[in-house]
Amino acid sequence: MKRIFASGIFISLVCQITFAGDFPRVDADLKTYDDTVAAKNTTFNRTPADPSSKDWVKSKLSHMVDVDQYMRTYSDIPFQHSYNYDETVYFRQQFGPRWFRIDQGNTDDLKTLLLTYN
């Protein structure tokens, strides 16, 4: 079992090394995504965090939904931009961790808010 798992990690690493930089179109789309999310976060973060303020909490929840929905819509980029198979695989490998960070961050933030208002 360990051997299969280790082989899977090796294959994954080889694929990431092989794919890195080979898909400029995908890299440009990922940069657009990263830049847009960063801009959304910068705009939201201009307001000081105040979890005790219901207005701030509403704003926070709205921001979380906005970024979440942008992320979920952006996952259709391979289809919208007619990526070939290799581009799609590369996109999924690169986009997956971004998806996880948004979902995990939102989950953590909701848990914190629930502790405040429980």
Protein backbone atom coordinates (compact mmCIF):
# COMPACT_ATOMS: atom_id res chain seq x y z
CA MET A 1 0.00 0.00 0.00
CA LYS A 2 2.77 2.43 0.91
CA ARG A 3 4.56 1.66 -2.32
CA ILE A 4 1.50 2.49 -4.44
CA PHE A 5 0.96 5.72 -2.53
CA ALA A 6 4.61 6.70 -2.89
CA SER A 7 4.46 5.94 -6.60
CA GLY A 8 1.38 8.13 -6.93
CA ILE A 9 3.19 11.01 -5.25
CA PHE A 10 6.18 10.51 -7.55
CA ILE A 11 3.97 10.49 -10.64
CA SER A 12 2.15 13.58 -9.41
CA LEU A 13 5.44 15.42 -8.84
CA VAL A 14 6.76 14.39 -12.26
CA CYS A 15 3.56 15.63 -13.88
CA GLN A 16 3.79 18.95 -12.06
CA ILE A 17 7.41 19.39 -13.11
CA THR A 18 6.64 18.39 -16.69
CA PHE A 19 3.63 20.70 -16.93
CA ALA A 20 5.14 23.73 -15.21
CA GLY A 21 5.31 26.59 -17.72
CA ASP A 22 4.19 24.46 -20.67
CA PHE A 23 0.74 26.03 -20.82
CA PRO A 24 1.01 29.83 -21.09
CA ARG A 25 -2.69 30.19 -21.89
CA VAL A 26 -3.65 28.37 -18.70
CA ASP A 27 -1.06 30.27 -16.67
CA ALA A 28 -2.52 33.55 -17.97
CA ASP A 29 -6.04 32.46 -16.96
CA LEU A 30 -4.80 31.44 -13.50
CA LYS A 31 -3.10 34.82 -13.12
CA THR A 32 -6.37 36.54 -14.02
CA TYR A 33 -8.12 34.47 -11.36
CA ASP A 34 -5.45 35.20 -8.74
CA ASP A 35 -5.45 38.92 -9.54
CA THR A 36 -9.25 39.13 -9.34
CA VAL A 37 -9.45 37.30 -6.01
CA ALA A 38 -6.63 39.47 -4.63
CA ALA A 39 -8.49 42.62 -5.72
CA LYS A 40 -11.72 41.40 -4.11
CA ASN A 41 -9.84 40.65 -0.88
CA THR A 42 -8.05 44.01 -0.92
CA THR A 43 -11.32 45.86 -1.36
CA PHE A 44 -12.99 43.95 1.47
CA ASN A 45 -10.00 44.26 3.80
CA ARG A 46 -10.11 48.06 3.64
CA THR A 47 -12.83 47.84 6.29
CA PRO A 48 -11.35 46.87 9.65
CA ALA A 49 -12.55 43.50 10.90
CA ASP A 50 -15.19 43.74 13.60
CA PRO A 51 -16.90 40.38 14.20
CA SER A 52 -19.05 41.99 16.90
CA SER A 53 -20.67 44.27 14.28
CA LYS A 54 -23.59 42.66 12.48
CA ASP A 55 -23.03 45.04 9.54
CA TRP A 56 -19.44 43.84 9.24
CA VAL A 57 -20.58 40.20 9.49
CA LYS A 58 -23.11 40.77 6.68
CA SER A 59 -20.36 42.34 4.60
CA LYS A 60 -18.01 39.45 5.39
CA LEU A 61 -20.59 36.85 4.42
CA SER A 62 -21.36 38.72 1.20
CA HIS A 63 -17.65 38.86 0.38
CA MET A 64 -17.25 35.14 1.08
CA VAL A 65 -20.15 34.33 -1.24
CA ASP A 66 -18.77 36.65 -3.93
CA VAL A 67 -15.34 35.00 -3.93
CA ASP A 68 -16.83 31.51 -3.63
CA GLN A 69 -19.14 32.00 -6.59
CA TYR A 70 -16.36 33.56 -8.67
CA MET A 71 -14.19 30.52 -7.92
CA ARG A 72 -16.93 28.05 -8.81
CA THR A 73 -17.72 29.86 -12.05
CA TYR A 74 -14.03 30.09 -12.93
CA SER A 75 -13.71 26.32 -12.71
CA ASP A 76 -15.50 26.24 -16.10
CA ILE A 77 -12.59 28.04 -17.80
CA PRO A 78 -11.23 24.85 -19.43
CA PHE A 79 -14.55 24.42 -21.21
CA GLN A 80 -15.05 28.13 -21.97
CA HIS A 81 -11.56 28.50 -23.42
CA SER A 82 -11.60 25.14 -25.23
CA TYR A 83 -8.57 23.73 -23.46
CA ASN A 84 -7.13 20.53 -24.79
CA TYR A 85 -6.78 17.54 -22.49
CA ASP A 86 -3.29 18.39 -21.20
CA GLU A 87 -4.25 22.01 -20.56
CA THR A 88 -7.32 20.85 -18.65
CA VAL A 89 -5.27 18.47 -16.50
CA TYR A 90 -2.76 21.22 -15.77
CA PHE A 91 -5.53 23.69 -14.96
CA ARG A 92 -7.17 21.25 -12.54
CA GLN A 93 -3.84 20.53 -10.83
CA GLN A 94 -3.14 24.22 -10.38
CA PHE A 95 -6.70 25.32 -9.58
CA GLY A 96 -7.42 22.57 -7.03
CA PRO A 97 -5.25 24.05 -4.27
CA ARG A 98 -6.78 27.48 -4.89
CA TRP A 99 -10.25 25.96 -4.53
CA PHE A 100 -9.23 24.22 -1.31
CA ARG A 101 -7.81 27.46 0.18
CA ILE A 102 -11.06 29.35 -0.50
CA ASP A 103 -13.26 26.55 0.86
CA GLN A 104 -11.06 25.99 3.91
CA GLY A 105 -10.81 29.72 4.62
CA ASN A 106 -14.58 30.14 4.37
CA THR A 107 -15.16 27.15 6.64
CA ASP A 108 -12.72 28.50 9.22
CA ASP A 109 -14.27 31.98 9.06
CA LEU A 110 -17.80 30.60 9.46
CA LYS A 111 -16.74 28.54 12.49
CA THR A 112 -15.25 31.66 14.07
CA LEU A 113 -18.40 33.69 13.36
CA LEU A 114 -20.59 30.95 14.78
CA LEU A 115 -18.57 30.95 18.00
CA THR A 116 -19.11 34.71 18.24
CA TYR A 117 -22.86 34.48 17.74
CA ASN A 118 -23.61 31.18 19.41
